[in-house]
């Protein structure tokens, strides 16, 4: 992976979606590597916190990372601008300066929250 300094690409501020959000400081092109989700590993889904990103490995085992970098501020959106490949984040489309960086939290999240978390 190329080296990326997250503080040069992103900033955190209040989000219209939910709480704080992650925003682009510059133009990010479709397909660009945007950074890696860093933090301690977790293996127990029941005790994971709100910033744990769960990824299924090649053997079908779920591994989580409890986010400790600014990527933990990404909010959910039904039509996100970014997605993870493992713990590495990539742009799904061109992202303009000031746009909020969003990901899709997964179908289980959408089913669990119902209408409590409207898309904006």
PDB file of N, CA and C in Angstrom:
ATOM      1  N   UNK A   1       0.823  -1.185   0.000  1.00  0.00           N
ATOM      2  CA  UNK A   1       0.000   0.000   0.000  1.00  0.00           C
ATOM      3  C   UNK A   1       0.867   1.248   0.000  1.00  0.00           C
ATOM      4  N   UNK A   2       0.450   2.233  -0.760  1.00  0.00           N
ATOM      5  CA  UNK A   2       1.186   3.499  -0.705  1.00  0.00           C
ATOM      6  C   UNK A   2       1.009   4.164   0.654  1.00  0.00           C
ATOM      7  N   UNK A   3       1.963   4.969   1.031  1.00  0.00           N
ATOM      8  CA  UNK A   3       1.886   5.662   2.307  1.00  0.00           C
ATOM      9  C   UNK A   3       0.932   6.844   2.179  1.00  0.00           C
ATOM     10  N   UNK A   4      -0.010   6.953   3.121  1.00  0.00           N
ATOM     11  CA  UNK A   4      -0.991   8.027   3.120  1.00  0.00           C
ATOM     12  C   UNK A   4      -1.005   8.659   4.504  1.00  0.00           C
ATOM     13  N   UNK A   5      -0.897   9.971   4.567  1.00  0.00           N
ATOM     14  CA  UNK A   5      -1.003  10.684   5.831  1.00  0.00           C
ATOM     15  C   UNK A   5      -2.458  11.153   5.945  1.00  0.00           C
ATOM     16  N   UNK A   6      -3.218  10.514   6.837  1.00  0.00           N
ATOM     17  CA  UNK A   6      -4.652  10.767   6.944  1.00  0.00           C
ATOM     18  C   UNK A   6      -4.966  12.230   7.225  1.00  0.00           C
ATOM     19  N   UNK A   7      -4.132  12.898   8.013  1.00  0.00           N
ATOM     20  CA  UNK A   7      -4.392  14.295   8.354  1.00  0.00           C
ATOM     21  C   UNK A   7      -4.256  15.225   7.148  1.00  0.00           C
ATOM     22  N   UNK A   8      -3.613  14.769   6.088  1.00  0.00           N
ATOM     23  CA  UNK A   8      -3.520  15.568   4.860  1.00  0.00           C
ATOM     24  C   UNK A   8      -4.740  15.366   3.972  1.00  0.00           C
ATOM     25  N   UNK A   9      -5.432  14.249   4.124  1.00  0.00           N
ATOM     26  CA  UNK A   9      -6.605  13.948   3.289  1.00  0.00           C
ATOM     27  C   UNK A   9      -7.931  14.309   3.940  1.00  0.00           C
ATOM     28  N   UNK A  10      -8.002  14.250   5.283  1.00  0.00           N
ATOM     29  CA  UNK A  10      -9.288  14.328   5.964  1.00  0.00           C
ATOM     30  C   UNK A  10      -9.288  15.280   7.149  1.00  0.00           C
ATOM     31  N   UNK A  11     -10.479  15.715   7.519  1.00  0.00           N
ATOM     32  CA  UNK A  11     -10.704  16.448   8.765  1.00  0.00           C
ATOM     33  C   UNK A  11     -12.029  15.975   9.354  1.00  0.00           C
ATOM     34  N   UNK A  12     -12.213  16.204  10.640  1.00  0.00           N
ATOM     35  CA  UNK A  12     -13.409  15.775  11.364  1.00  0.00           C
ATOM     36  C   UNK A  12     -14.188  17.014  11.779  1.00  0.00           C
ATOM     37  N   UNK A  13     -15.512  16.971  11.559  1.00  0.00           N
ATOM     38  CA  UNK A  13     -16.382  18.049  12.029  1.00  0.00           C
ATOM     39  C   UNK A  13     -17.796  17.505  12.165  1.00  0.00           C
ATOM     40  N   UNK A  14     -18.692  18.327  12.672  1.00  0.00           N
ATOM     41  CA  UNK A  14     -20.086  17.913  12.846  1.00  0.00           C
ATOM     42  C   UNK A  14     -20.665  17.468  11.508  1.00  0.00           C
ATOM     43  N   UNK A  15     -21.446  16.391  11.543  1.00  0.00           N
ATOM     44  CA  UNK A  15     -22.041  15.809  10.347  1.00  0.00           C
ATOM     45  C   UNK A  15     -23.543  16.046  10.324  1.00  0.00           C
ATOM     46  N   UNK A  16     -24.080  16.229   9.141  1.00  0.00           N
ATOM     47  CA  UNK A  16     -25.531  16.322   8.983  1.00  0.00           C
ATOM     48  C   UNK A  16     -26.155  14.926   9.054  1.00  0.00           C
ATOM     49  N   UNK A  17     -25.341  13.894   8.941  1.00  0.00           N
ATOM     50  CA  UNK A  17     -25.841  12.518   8.998  1.00  0.00           C
ATOM     51  C   UNK A  17     -25.990  12.076  10.447  1.00  0.00           C
ATOM     52  N   UNK A  18     -24.893  12.203  11.223  1.00  0.00           N
ATOM     53  CA  UNK A  18     -24.908  11.733  12.611  1.00  0.00           C
ATOM     54  C   UNK A  18     -23.644  12.177  13.321  1.00  0.00           C
ATOM     55  N   UNK A  19     -23.766  12.857  14.427  1.00  0.00           N
ATOM     56  CA  UNK A  19     -22.609  13.210  15.265  1.00  0.00           C
ATOM     57  C   UNK A  19     -21.497  13.872  14.486  1.00  0.00           C
ATOM     58  N   UNK A  20     -20.299  13.347  14.655  1.00  0.00           N
ATOM     59  CA  UNK A  20     -19.142  13.833  13.913  1.00  0.00           C
ATOM     60  C   UNK A  20     -18.974  12.999  12.656  1.00  0.00           C
ATOM     61  N   UNK A  21     -18.386  13.606  11.642  1.00  0.00           N
ATOM     62  CA  UNK A  21     -18.146  12.906  10.384  1.00  0.00           C
ATOM     63  C   UNK A  21     -16.749  13.182   9.878  1.00  0.00           C
ATOM     64  N   UNK A  22     -16.342  12.418   8.879  1.00  0.00           N
ATOM     65  CA  UNK A  22     -15.044  12.544   8.246  1.00  0.00           C
ATOM     66  C   UNK A  22     -15.234  13.224   6.896  1.00  0.00           C
ATOM     67  N   UNK A  23     -14.434  14.256   6.607  1.00  0.00           N
ATOM     68  CA  UNK A  23     -14.597  15.045   5.395  1.00  0.00           C
ATOM     69  C   UNK A  23     -13.284  15.137   4.628  1.00  0.00           C
ATOM     70  N   UNK A  24     -13.404  15.270   3.303  1.00  0.00           N
ATOM     71  CA  UNK A  24     -12.235  15.349   2.424  1.00  0.00           C
ATOM     72  C   UNK A  24     -11.627  16.748   2.431  1.00  0.00           C
ATOM     73  N   UNK A  25     -10.309  16.830   2.606  1.00  0.00           N
ATOM     74  CA  UNK A  25      -9.583  18.098   2.520  1.00  0.00           C
ATOM     75  C   UNK A  25      -9.226  18.444   1.078  1.00  0.00           C
ATOM     76  N   UNK A  26      -9.264  17.426   0.203  1.00  0.00           N
ATOM     77  CA  UNK A  26      -8.830  17.614  -1.179  1.00  0.00           C
ATOM     78  C   UNK A  26      -9.630  16.667  -2.075  1.00  0.00           C
ATOM     79  N   UNK A  27      -9.427  16.771  -3.365  1.00  0.00           N
ATOM     80  CA  UNK A  27     -10.075  15.869  -4.312  1.00  0.00           C
ATOM     81  C   UNK A  27      -9.458  14.476  -4.175  1.00  0.00           C
ATOM     82  N   UNK A  28     -10.317  13.471  -4.128  1.00  0.00           N
ATOM     83  CA  UNK A  28      -9.887  12.072  -4.076  1.00  0.00           C
ATOM     84  C   UNK A  28     -10.529  11.396  -5.282  1.00  0.00           C
ATOM     85  N   UNK A  29      -9.735  10.749  -6.090  1.00  0.00           N
ATOM     86  CA  UNK A  29     -10.236  10.140  -7.320  1.00  0.00           C
ATOM     87  C   UNK A  29     -10.778   8.736  -7.106  1.00  0.00           C
ATOM     88  N   UNK A  30     -11.752   8.370  -7.911  1.00  0.00           N
ATOM     89  CA  UNK A  30     -12.324   7.024  -7.878  1.00  0.00           C
ATOM     90  C   UNK A  30     -11.196   5.997  -7.950  1.00  0.00           C
ATOM     91  N   UNK A  31     -11.254   5.018  -7.045  1.00  0.00           N
ATOM     92  CA  UNK A  31     -10.257   3.952  -7.011  1.00  0.00           C
ATOM     93  C   UNK A  31      -9.060   4.240  -6.139  1.00  0.00           C
ATOM     94  N   UNK A  32      -8.896   5.492  -5.690  1.00  0.00           N
ATOM     95  CA  UNK A  32      -7.739   5.834  -4.855  1.00  0.00           C
ATOM     96  C   UNK A  32      -7.785   5.115  -3.512  1.00  0.00           C
ATOM     97  N   UNK A  33      -6.608   4.678  -3.082  1.00  0.00           N
ATOM     98  CA  UNK A  33      -6.425   4.164  -1.724  1.00  0.00           C
ATOM     99  C   UNK A  33      -6.489   5.367  -0.789  1.00  0.00           C
ATOM    100  N   UNK A  34      -7.306   5.254   0.279  1.00  0.00           N
ATOM    101  CA  UNK A  34      -7.540   6.392   1.163  1.00  0.00           C
ATOM    102  C   UNK A  34      -6.955   6.204   2.558  1.00  0.00           C
ATOM    103  N   UNK A  35      -6.508   5.014   2.881  1.00  0.00           N
ATOM    104  CA  UNK A  35      -5.934   4.772   4.200  1.00  0.00           C
ATOM    105  C   UNK A  35      -6.330   3.409   4.733  1.00  0.00           C
ATOM    106  N   UNK A  36      -5.778   3.071   5.883  1.00  0.00           N
ATOM    107  CA  UNK A  36      -6.040   1.786   6.528  1.00  0.00           C
ATOM    108  C   UNK A  36      -6.644   2.022   7.906  1.00  0.00           C
ATOM    109  N   UNK A  37      -7.676   1.262   8.226  1.00  0.00           N
ATOM    110  CA  UNK A  37      -8.343   1.335   9.520  1.00  0.00           C
ATOM    111  C   UNK A  37      -7.428   0.691  10.552  1.00  0.00           C
ATOM    112  N   UNK A  38      -6.945   1.470  11.496  1.00  0.00           N
ATOM    113  CA  UNK A  38      -5.975   0.993  12.482  1.00  0.00           C
ATOM    114  C   UNK A  38      -6.592   0.925  13.869  1.00  0.00           C
ATOM    115  N   UNK A  39      -6.134  -0.043  14.653  1.00  0.00           N
ATOM    116  CA  UNK A  39      -6.571  -0.194  16.028  1.00  0.00           C
ATOM    117  C   UNK A  39      -6.344  -1.614  16.494  1.00  0.00           C
ATOM    118  N   UNK A  40      -6.558  -1.845  17.797  1.00  0.00           N
ATOM    119  CA  UNK A  40      -6.364  -3.188  18.352  1.00  0.00           C
ATOM    120  C   UNK A  40      -7.329  -4.193  17.730  1.00  0.00           C
ATOM    121  N   UNK A  41      -6.862  -5.416  17.573  1.00  0.00           N
ATOM    122  CA  UNK A  41      -7.701  -6.482  17.027  1.00  0.00           C
ATOM    123  C   UNK A  41      -8.738  -6.939  18.038  1.00  0.00           C
ATOM    124  N   UNK A  42      -9.905  -7.338  17.540  1.00  0.00           N
ATOM    125  CA  UNK A  42     -11.004  -7.868  18.351  1.00  0.00           C
ATOM    126  C   UNK A  42     -11.472  -9.167  17.695  1.00  0.00           C
ATOM    127  N   UNK A  43     -11.886 -10.107  18.521  1.00  0.00           N
ATOM    128  CA  UNK A  43     -12.380 -11.373  17.988  1.00  0.00           C
ATOM    129  C   UNK A  43     -13.764 -11.724  18.512  1.00  0.00           C
ATOM    130  N   UNK A  44     -14.286 -10.938  19.443  1.00  0.00           N
ATOM    131  CA  UNK A  44     -15.578 -11.218  20.069  1.00  0.00           C
ATOM    132  C   UNK A  44     -16.567 -10.135  19.678  1.00  0.00           C
ATOM    133  N   UNK A  45     -17.512 -10.476  18.800  1.00  0.00           N
ATOM    134  CA  UNK A  45     -18.480  -9.499  18.323  1.00  0.00           C
ATOM    135  C   UNK A  45     -19.385  -8.965  19.428  1.00  0.00           C
ATOM    136  N   UNK A  46     -19.580  -9.745  20.465  1.00  0.00           N
ATOM    137  CA  UNK A  46     -20.465  -9.319  21.547  1.00  0.00           C
ATOM    138  C   UNK A  46     -19.857  -8.203  22.390  1.00  0.00           C
ATOM    139  N   UNK A  47     -18.547  -8.142  22.473  1.00  0.00           N
ATOM    140  CA  UNK A  47     -17.914  -7.144  23.334  1.00  0.00           C
ATOM    141  C   UNK A  47     -17.276  -5.999  22.551  1.00  0.00           C
ATOM    142  N   UNK A  48     -17.475  -5.971  21.237  1.00  0.00           N
ATOM    143  CA  UNK A  48     -16.902  -4.910  20.418  1.00  0.00           C
ATOM    144  C   UNK A  48     -17.577  -3.576  20.683  1.00  0.00           C
ATOM    145  N   UNK A  49     -16.840  -2.497  20.547  1.00  0.00           N
ATOM    146  CA  UNK A  49     -17.369  -1.161  20.772  1.00  0.00           C
ATOM    147  C   UNK A  49     -17.962  -0.570  19.506  1.00  0.00           C
ATOM    148  N   UNK A  50     -18.342   0.719  19.570  1.00  0.00           N
ATOM    149  CA  UNK A  50     -19.018   1.353  18.448  1.00  0.00           C
ATOM    150  C   UNK A  50     -18.120   1.633  17.246  1.00  0.00           C
ATOM    151  N   UNK A  51     -16.813   1.590  17.426  1.00  0.00           N
ATOM    152  CA  UNK A  51     -15.903   1.902  16.321  1.00  0.00           C
ATOM    153  C   UNK A  51     -15.173   0.662  15.801  1.00  0.00           C
ATOM    154  N   UNK A  52     -15.717  -0.532  16.060  1.00  0.00           N
ATOM    155  CA  UNK A  52     -15.067  -1.750  15.585  1.00  0.00           C
ATOM    156  C   UNK A  52     -15.530  -2.042  14.153  1.00  0.00           C
ATOM    157  N   UNK A  53     -14.559  -2.198  13.272  1.00  0.00           N
ATOM    158  CA  UNK A  53     -14.816  -2.595  11.889  1.00  0.00           C
ATOM    159  C   UNK A  53     -14.559  -4.094  11.797  1.00  0.00           C
ATOM    160  N   UNK A  54     -15.592  -4.843  11.399  1.00  0.00           N
ATOM    161  CA  UNK A  54     -15.486  -6.301  11.291  1.00  0.00           C
ATOM    162  C   UNK A  54     -15.264  -6.699   9.842  1.00  0.00           C
ATOM    163  N   UNK A  55     -14.292  -7.600   9.631  1.00  0.00           N
ATOM    164  CA  UNK A  55     -13.932  -8.079   8.304  1.00  0.00           C
ATOM    165  C   UNK A  55     -13.849  -9.595   8.353  1.00  0.00           C
ATOM    166  N   UNK A  56     -14.412 -10.237   7.338  1.00  0.00           N
ATOM    167  CA  UNK A  56     -14.343 -11.702   7.257  1.00  0.00           C
ATOM    168  C   UNK A  56     -13.089 -12.085   6.480  1.00  0.00           C
ATOM    169  N   UNK A  57     -12.242 -12.941   7.091  1.00  0.00           N
ATOM    170  CA  UNK A  57     -11.017 -13.349   6.401  1.00  0.00           C
ATOM    171  C   UNK A  57     -11.308 -14.502   5.436  1.00  0.00           C
ATOM    172  N   UNK A  58     -10.271 -14.985   4.759  1.00  0.00           N
ATOM    173  CA  UNK A  58     -10.428 -16.032   3.742  1.00  0.00           C
ATOM    174  C   UNK A  58     -10.958 -17.346   4.310  1.00  0.00           C
ATOM    175  N   UNK A  59     -10.785 -17.558   5.630  1.00  0.00           N
ATOM    176  CA  UNK A  59     -11.251 -18.792   6.270  1.00  0.00           C
ATOM    177  C   UNK A  59     -12.652 -18.641   6.873  1.00  0.00           C
ATOM    178  N   UNK A  60     -13.301 -17.498   6.644  1.00  0.00           N
ATOM    179  CA  UNK A  60     -14.639 -17.268   7.174  1.00  0.00           C
ATOM    180  C   UNK A  60     -14.660 -16.807   8.618  1.00  0.00           C
ATOM    181  N   UNK A  61     -13.505 -16.441   9.163  1.00  0.00           N
ATOM    182  CA  UNK A  61     -13.408 -15.959  10.544  1.00  0.00           C
ATOM    183  C   UNK A  61     -13.539 -14.440  10.529  1.00  0.00           C
ATOM    184  N   UNK A  62     -14.357 -13.909  11.446  1.00  0.00           N
ATOM    185  CA  UNK A  62     -14.545 -12.470  11.554  1.00  0.00           C
ATOM    186  C   UNK A  62     -13.497 -11.883  12.489  1.00  0.00           C
ATOM    187  N   UNK A  63     -12.806 -10.862  11.995  1.00  0.00           N
ATOM    188  CA  UNK A  63     -11.778 -10.164  12.764  1.00  0.00           C
ATOM    189  C   UNK A  63     -12.162  -8.688  12.789  1.00  0.00           C
ATOM    190  N   UNK A  64     -12.059  -8.089  13.963  1.00  0.00           N
ATOM    191  CA  UNK A  64     -12.390  -6.672  14.086  1.00  0.00           C
ATOM    192  C   UNK A  64     -11.182  -5.852  14.471  1.00  0.00           C
ATOM    193  N   UNK A  65     -11.269  -4.570  14.161  1.00  0.00           N
ATOM    194  CA  UNK A  65     -10.291  -3.597  14.645  1.00  0.00           C
ATOM    195  C   UNK A  65     -11.076  -2.470  15.292  1.00  0.00           C
ATOM    196  N   UNK A  66     -10.693  -2.158  16.520  1.00  0.00           N
ATOM    197  CA  UNK A  66     -11.314  -1.068  17.257  1.00  0.00           C
ATOM    198  C   UNK A  66     -10.622   0.219  16.824  1.00  0.00           C
ATOM    199  N   UNK A  67     -11.271   0.971  15.944  1.00  0.00           N
ATOM    200  CA  UNK A  67     -10.678   2.130  15.286  1.00  0.00           C
ATOM    201  C   UNK A  67     -10.050   3.149  16.211  1.00  0.00           C
ATOM    202  N   UNK A  68      -8.788   3.472  15.937  1.00  0.00           N
ATOM    203  CA  UNK A  68      -8.054   4.453  16.726  1.00  0.00           C
ATOM    204  C   UNK A  68      -7.540   5.604  15.872  1.00  0.00           C
ATOM    205  N   UNK A  69      -7.805   5.562  14.559  1.00  0.00           N
ATOM    206  CA  UNK A  69      -7.423   6.714  13.744  1.00  0.00           C
ATOM    207  C   UNK A  69      -8.698   7.432  13.276  1.00  0.00           C
ATOM    208  N   UNK A  70      -8.545   8.517  12.532  1.00  0.00           N
ATOM    209  CA  UNK A  70      -9.717   9.336  12.197  1.00  0.00           C
ATOM    210  C   UNK A  70     -10.694   8.659  11.251  1.00  0.00           C
ATOM    211  N   UNK A  71     -10.333   7.535  10.670  1.00  0.00           N
ATOM    212  CA  UNK A  71     -11.288   6.815   9.816  1.00  0.00           C
ATOM    213  C   UNK A  71     -12.488   6.322  10.621  1.00  0.00           C
ATOM    214  N   UNK A  72     -12.370   6.277  11.940  1.00  0.00           N
ATOM    215  CA  UNK A  72     -13.489   5.819  12.780  1.00  0.00           C
ATOM    216  C   UNK A  72     -14.675   6.786  12.722  1.00  0.00           C
ATOM    217  N   UNK A  73     -14.480   7.975  12.184  1.00  0.00           N
ATOM    218  CA  UNK A  73     -15.558   8.962  12.118  1.00  0.00           C
ATOM    219  C   UNK A  73     -16.420   8.850  10.868  1.00  0.00           C
ATOM    220  N   UNK A  74     -16.202   7.838  10.047  1.00  0.00           N
ATOM    221  CA  UNK A  74     -17.042   7.672   8.855  1.00  0.00           C
ATOM    222  C   UNK A  74     -18.443   7.246   9.256  1.00  0.00           C
ATOM    223  N   UNK A  75     -19.419   7.884   8.660  1.00  0.00           N
ATOM    224  CA  UNK A  75     -20.820   7.552   8.896  1.00  0.00           C
ATOM    225  C   UNK A  75     -21.350   6.640   7.806  1.00  0.00           C
ATOM    226  N   UNK A  76     -22.475   6.018   8.124  1.00  0.00           N
ATOM    227  CA  UNK A  76     -23.166   5.134   7.184  1.00  0.00           C
ATOM    228  C   UNK A  76     -23.959   5.948   6.167  1.00  0.00           C
ATOM    229  N   UNK A  77     -24.010   5.436   4.939  1.00  0.00           N
ATOM    230  CA  UNK A  77     -24.897   5.989   3.917  1.00  0.00           C
ATOM    231  C   UNK A  77     -25.275   4.852   2.972  1.00  0.00           C
ATOM    232  N   UNK A  78     -26.514   4.894   2.474  1.00  0.00           N
ATOM    233  CA  UNK A  78     -26.996   3.854   1.560  1.00  0.00           C
ATOM    234  C   UNK A  78     -26.223   3.862   0.241  1.00  0.00           C
ATOM    235  N   UNK A  79     -25.754   5.029  -0.180  1.00  0.00           N
ATOM    236  CA  UNK A  79     -24.941   5.144  -1.393  1.00  0.00           C
ATOM    237  C   UNK A  79     -23.606   5.803  -1.016  1.00  0.00           C
ATOM    238  N   UNK A  80     -22.719   5.020  -0.432  1.00  0.00           N
ATOM    239  CA  UNK A  80     -21.461   5.567   0.096  1.00  0.00           C
ATOM    240  C   UNK A  80     -20.498   5.991  -1.007  1.00  0.00           C
ATOM    241  N   UNK A  81     -19.511   6.789  -0.611  1.00  0.00           N
ATOM    242  CA  UNK A  81     -18.476   7.205  -1.562  1.00  0.00           C
ATOM    243  C   UNK A  81     -17.195   6.389  -1.389  1.00  0.00           C
ATOM    244  N   UNK A  82     -17.143   5.543  -0.349  1.00  0.00           N
ATOM    245  CA  UNK A  82     -15.939   4.750  -0.081  1.00  0.00           C
ATOM    246  C   UNK A  82     -16.330   3.364   0.424  1.00  0.00           C
ATOM    247  N   UNK A  83     -15.387   2.438   0.308  1.00  0.00           N
ATOM    248  CA  UNK A  83     -15.619   1.068   0.792  1.00  0.00           C
ATOM    249  C   UNK A  83     -14.288   0.457   1.206  1.00  0.00           C
ATOM    250  N   UNK A  84     -14.391  -0.495   2.113  1.00  0.00           N
ATOM    251  CA  UNK A  84     -13.208  -1.209   2.581  1.00  0.00           C
ATOM    252  C   UNK A  84     -12.975  -2.471   1.771  1.00  0.00           C
ATOM    253  N   UNK A  85     -11.699  -2.753   1.535  1.00  0.00           N
ATOM    254  CA  UNK A  85     -11.241  -4.045   1.047  1.00  0.00           C
ATOM    255  C   UNK A  85     -10.345  -4.540   2.167  1.00  0.00           C
ATOM    256  N   UNK A  86     -10.889  -5.428   2.991  1.00  0.00           N
ATOM    257  CA  UNK A  86     -10.207  -5.759   4.239  1.00  0.00           C
ATOM    258  C   UNK A  86     -10.267  -4.517   5.119  1.00  0.00           C
ATOM    259  N   UNK A  87      -9.137  -4.072   5.628  1.00  0.00           N
ATOM    260  CA  UNK A  87      -9.090  -2.865   6.447  1.00  0.00           C
ATOM    261  C   UNK A  87      -8.594  -1.643   5.662  1.00  0.00           C
ATOM    262  N   UNK A  88      -8.411  -1.801   4.349  1.00  0.00           N
ATOM    263  CA  UNK A  88      -7.957  -0.717   3.486  1.00  0.00           C
ATOM    264  C   UNK A  88      -9.157  -0.046   2.823  1.00  0.00           C
ATOM    265  N   UNK A  89      -9.172   1.290   2.837  1.00  0.00           N
ATOM    266  CA  UNK A  89     -10.288   2.078   2.334  1.00  0.00           C
ATOM    267  C   UNK A  89      -9.982   2.616   0.940  1.00  0.00           C
ATOM    268  N   UNK A  90     -10.977   2.524   0.042  1.00  0.00           N
ATOM    269  CA  UNK A  90     -10.846   3.002  -1.333  1.00  0.00           C
ATOM    270  C   UNK A  90     -12.056   3.856  -1.716  1.00  0.00           C
ATOM    271  N   UNK A  91     -11.812   4.811  -2.617  1.00  0.00           N
ATOM    272  CA  UNK A  91     -12.886   5.668  -3.115  1.00  0.00           C
ATOM    273  C   UNK A  91     -13.709   4.915  -4.166  1.00  0.00           C
ATOM    274  N   UNK A  92     -15.025   4.921  -4.002  1.00  0.00           N
ATOM    275  CA  UNK A  92     -15.917   4.290  -4.967  1.00  0.00           C
ATOM    276  C   UNK A  92     -16.249   5.214  -6.133  1.00  0.00           C
ATOM    277  N   UNK A  93     -16.049   6.507  -5.928  1.00  0.00           N
ATOM    278  CA  UNK A  93     -16.291   7.517  -6.962  1.00  0.00           C
ATOM    279  C   UNK A  93     -15.405   8.723  -6.640  1.00  0.00           C
ATOM    280  N   UNK A  94     -15.367   9.679  -7.538  1.00  0.00           N
ATOM    281  CA  UNK A  94     -14.621  10.906  -7.257  1.00  0.00           C
ATOM    282  C   UNK A  94     -15.254  11.609  -6.063  1.00  0.00           C
ATOM    283  N   UNK A  95     -14.411  12.091  -5.159  1.00  0.00           N
ATOM    284  CA  UNK A  95     -14.859  12.779  -3.947  1.00  0.00           C
ATOM    285  C   UNK A  95     -14.278  14.187  -3.982  1.00  0.00           C
ATOM    286  N   UNK A  96     -15.132  15.179  -3.813  1.00  0.00           N
ATOM    287  CA  UNK A  96     -14.704  16.574  -3.871  1.00  0.00           C
ATOM    288  C   UNK A  96     -14.342  17.096  -2.485  1.00  0.00           C
ATOM    289  N   UNK A  97     -13.524  18.122  -2.469  1.00  0.00           N
ATOM    290  CA  UNK A  97     -13.139  18.770  -1.223  1.00  0.00           C
ATOM    291  C   UNK A  97     -14.391  19.182  -0.461  1.00  0.00           C
ATOM    292  N   UNK A  98     -14.435  18.858   0.833  1.00  0.00           N
ATOM    293  CA  UNK A  98     -15.579  19.195   1.675  1.00  0.00           C
ATOM    294  C   UNK A  98     -16.661  18.142   1.739  1.00  0.00           C
ATOM    295  N   UNK A  99     -16.604  17.122   0.845  1.00  0.00           N
ATOM    296  CA  UNK A  99     -17.598  16.041   0.886  1.00  0.00           C
ATOM    297  C   UNK A  99     -17.359  15.153   2.102  1.00  0.00           C
ATOM    298  N   UNK A 100     -18.462  14.678   2.698  1.00  0.00           N
ATOM    299  CA  UNK A 100     -18.336  13.728   3.801  1.00  0.00           C
ATOM    300  C   UNK A 100     -17.995  12.352   3.238  1.00  0.00           C
ATOM    301  N   UNK A 101     -17.068  11.685   3.896  1.00  0.00           N
ATOM    302  CA  UNK A 101     -16.663  10.333   3.504  1.00  0.00           C
ATOM    303  C   UNK A 101     -17.598   9.361   4.201  1.00  0.00           C
ATOM    304  N   UNK A 102     -18.331   8.568   3.422  1.00  0.00           N
ATOM    305  CA  UNK A 102     -19.287   7.617   3.981  1.00  0.00           C
ATOM    306  C   UNK A 102     -19.004   6.211   3.471  1.00  0.00           C
ATOM    307  N   UNK A 103     -19.419   5.246   4.286  1.00  0.00           N
ATOM    308  CA  UNK A 103     -19.351   3.832   3.909  1.00  0.00           C
ATOM    309  C   UNK A 103     -20.717   3.215   4.194  1.00  0.00           C
ATOM    310  N   UNK A 104     -20.938   2.032   3.678  1.00  0.00           N
ATOM    311  CA  UNK A 104     -22.150   1.278   3.992  1.00  0.00           C
ATOM    312  C   UNK A 104     -21.802   0.344   5.140  1.00  0.00           C
ATOM    313  N   UNK A 105     -22.495   0.493   6.272  1.00  0.00           N
ATOM    314  CA  UNK A 105     -22.175  -0.297   7.463  1.00  0.00           C
ATOM    315  C   UNK A 105     -22.563  -1.773   7.326  1.00  0.00           C
ATOM    316  N   UNK A 106     -23.384  -2.100   6.357  1.00  0.00           N
ATOM    317  CA  UNK A 106     -23.789  -3.491   6.157  1.00  0.00           C
ATOM    318  C   UNK A 106     -25.277  -3.671   6.357  1.00  0.00           C
ATOM    319  N   UNK A 107     -25.803  -4.721   5.755  1.00  0.00           N
ATOM    320  CA  UNK A 107     -27.239  -4.989   5.799  1.00  0.00           C
ATOM    321  C   UNK A 107     -27.752  -5.219   7.214  1.00  0.00           C
ATOM    322  N   UNK A 108     -26.933  -5.851   8.069  1.00  0.00           N
ATOM    323  CA  UNK A 108     -27.360  -6.099   9.445  1.00  0.00           C
ATOM    324  C   UNK A 108     -27.598  -4.781  10.182  1.00  0.00           C
ATOM    325  N   UNK A 109     -26.730  -3.801   9.943  1.00  0.00           N
ATOM    326  CA  UNK A 109     -26.887  -2.486  10.566  1.00  0.00           C
ATOM    327  C   UNK A 109     -28.183  -1.826  10.086  1.00  0.00           C
ATOM    328  N   UNK A 110     -28.411  -1.856   8.796  1.00  0.00           N
ATOM    329  CA  UNK A 110     -29.604  -1.228   8.225  1.00  0.00           C
ATOM    330  C   UNK A 110     -30.864  -1.874   8.789  1.00  0.00           C
ATOM    331  N   UNK A 111     -30.886  -3.184   8.887  1.00  0.00           N
ATOM    332  CA  UNK A 111     -32.049  -3.892   9.453  1.00  0.00           C
ATOM    333  C   UNK A 111     -32.245  -3.537  10.922  1.00  0.00           C
ATOM    334  N   UNK A 112     -31.153  -3.413  11.669  1.00  0.00           N
ATOM    335  CA  UNK A 112     -31.244  -3.148  13.107  1.00  0.00           C
ATOM    336  C   UNK A 112     -31.733  -1.739  13.418  1.00  0.00           C
ATOM    337  N   UNK A 113     -31.361  -0.761  12.599  1.00  0.00           N
ATOM    338  CA  UNK A 113     -31.715   0.619  12.923  1.00  0.00           C
ATOM    339  C   UNK A 113     -33.033   1.061  12.311  1.00  0.00           C
ATOM    340  N   UNK A 114     -33.491   0.383  11.291  1.00  0.00           N
ATOM    341  CA  UNK A 114     -34.759   0.741  10.665  1.00  0.00           C
ATOM    342  C   UNK A 114     -34.790   2.203  10.292  1.00  0.00           C
ATOM    343  N   UNK A 115     -35.814   2.935  10.714  1.00  0.00           N
ATOM    344  CA  UNK A 115     -35.986   4.348  10.377  1.00  0.00           C
ATOM    345  C   UNK A 115     -35.316   5.280  11.385  1.00  0.00           C
ATOM    346  N   UNK A 116     -34.591   4.736  12.367  1.00  0.00           N
ATOM    347  CA  UNK A 116     -33.965   5.581  13.382  1.00  0.00           C
ATOM    348  C   UNK A 116     -32.768   6.352  12.838  1.00  0.00           C
ATOM    349  N   UNK A 117     -32.240   5.983  11.692  1.00  0.00           N
ATOM    350  CA  UNK A 117     -31.030   6.576  11.154  1.00  0.00           C
ATOM    351  C   UNK A 117     -31.300   6.965   9.710  1.00  0.00           C
ATOM    352  N   UNK A 118     -32.075   8.038   9.479  1.00  0.00           N
ATOM    353  CA  UNK A 118     -32.470   8.375   8.111  1.00  0.00           C
ATOM    354  C   UNK A 118     -31.286   8.755   7.244  1.00  0.00           C
ATOM    355  N   UNK A 119     -31.389   8.470   5.967  1.00  0.00           N
ATOM    356  CA  UNK A 119     -30.363   8.853   4.991  1.00  0.00           C
ATOM    357  C   UNK A 119     -30.556  10.320   4.654  1.00  0.00           C
ATOM    358  N   UNK A 120     -29.486  11.081   4.584  1.00  0.00           N
ATOM    359  CA  UNK A 120     -29.557  12.498   4.231  1.00  0.00           C
ATOM    360  C   UNK A 120     -28.650  12.779   3.085  1.00  0.00           C
TER     361      UNK A 120
END
